[in-house]
Protein backbone atom coordinates (compact mmCIF):
# COMPACT_ATOMS: atom_id res chain seq x y z
CA MET A 1 144.82 284.98 372.13
CA LEU A 2 143.78 287.45 374.85
CA THR A 3 147.40 288.29 375.62
CA ALA A 4 148.06 288.94 371.92
CA PHE A 5 145.04 291.30 371.81
CA GLU A 6 146.30 293.13 374.90
CA LYS A 7 149.71 293.67 373.30
CA ALA A 8 148.45 294.56 369.81
CA LEU A 9 145.82 297.03 371.04
CA ALA A 10 147.79 298.31 374.08
CA LEU A 11 145.08 297.13 376.49
CA SER A 12 145.45 296.34 380.16
CA ALA A 13 144.48 292.97 381.60
CA ASP A 14 141.76 294.82 383.54
CA GLN A 15 140.15 295.96 380.28
CA LEU A 16 139.78 292.30 379.30
CA ARG A 17 138.96 291.03 382.80
CA HIS A 18 135.52 289.74 381.82
CA SER A 19 137.09 287.79 378.96
CA HIS A 20 139.77 286.32 381.24
CA GLU A 21 137.22 285.43 383.94
CA THR A 22 134.82 283.84 381.44
CA LEU A 23 137.64 281.76 379.95
CA ALA A 24 138.72 280.65 383.43
CA GLN A 25 135.16 279.71 384.44
CA TYR A 26 133.91 278.01 381.26
CA GLY A 27 136.99 277.24 379.17
CA ASN A 28 137.33 277.89 375.46
CA LYS A 29 133.95 277.52 373.74
CA SER A 30 135.26 278.93 370.45
CA SER A 31 133.39 281.90 368.97
CA VAL A 32 130.26 281.42 371.14
CA THR A 33 132.34 282.53 374.15
CA ILE A 34 131.65 286.13 373.14
CA LEU A 35 128.03 285.77 374.27
CA PHE A 36 129.18 284.63 377.72
CA VAL A 37 131.58 287.60 377.94
CA LEU A 38 128.91 290.12 376.89
CA GLU A 39 126.45 288.68 379.42
CA ARG A 40 129.07 289.00 382.16
CA MET A 41 129.87 292.58 381.15
CA LEU A 42 126.21 293.58 381.29
CA ARG A 43 125.64 291.78 384.60
CA TYR A 44 128.54 293.57 386.28
CA ALA A 45 128.23 296.89 384.41
CA ASN A 46 127.14 298.91 387.42
CA THR A 47 128.21 296.68 390.28
CA ASP A 48 131.98 296.20 389.95
CA GLY A 49 132.89 299.86 390.45
CA ALA A 50 134.45 300.23 387.01
CA ALA A 51 133.46 302.92 384.59
CA VAL A 52 131.10 301.69 381.91
CA SER A 53 132.37 302.33 378.41
CA LYS A 54 130.05 303.84 375.83
CA SER A 55 131.27 301.39 373.21
CA ILE A 56 132.62 297.86 373.15
CA TYR A 57 134.77 296.26 370.47
CA ALA A 58 133.92 292.57 370.50
CA ALA A 59 135.92 289.96 368.61
CA ALA A 60 135.52 286.20 368.57
CA PHE A 61 137.69 283.61 366.89
CA GLY A 62 136.22 280.39 365.59
CA PRO A 63 137.63 277.23 364.05
CA GLY A 64 140.24 277.60 361.37
CA VAL A 65 140.90 281.20 360.52
CA SER A 66 137.44 282.62 361.21
CA LEU A 67 136.89 285.91 363.00
CA GLU A 68 133.66 287.63 363.94
CA SER A 69 133.73 291.16 365.31
CA ALA A 70 131.41 294.04 366.09
CA LEU A 71 131.48 297.53 367.51
CA ILE A 72 128.66 297.76 370.04
CA ARG A 73 127.44 301.16 371.20
CA LEU A 74 125.68 301.34 374.55
CA HIS A 75 122.81 303.73 375.16
CA ASP A 76 121.16 304.58 378.45
CA PRO A 77 117.42 303.86 378.04
CA LYS A 78 116.65 306.44 380.74
CA LYS A 79 117.91 309.30 378.57
């Protein structure tokens, strides 16, 4: 599924690295995996040297043909 997203949205594997790493560490937990990915993204936001995006498109696939998605906008609380 991640590879299909990369191809369809012209993303690099690095842009989905937190998704790939979460899947490798915990396996497929269905749609709840998105919470693990978001937690990982926030934990490493300022420590992995990558630029932090101002917005995140999050999509999770559940059983059957279910899809949950959200556009999350990040705001710096110091501003």
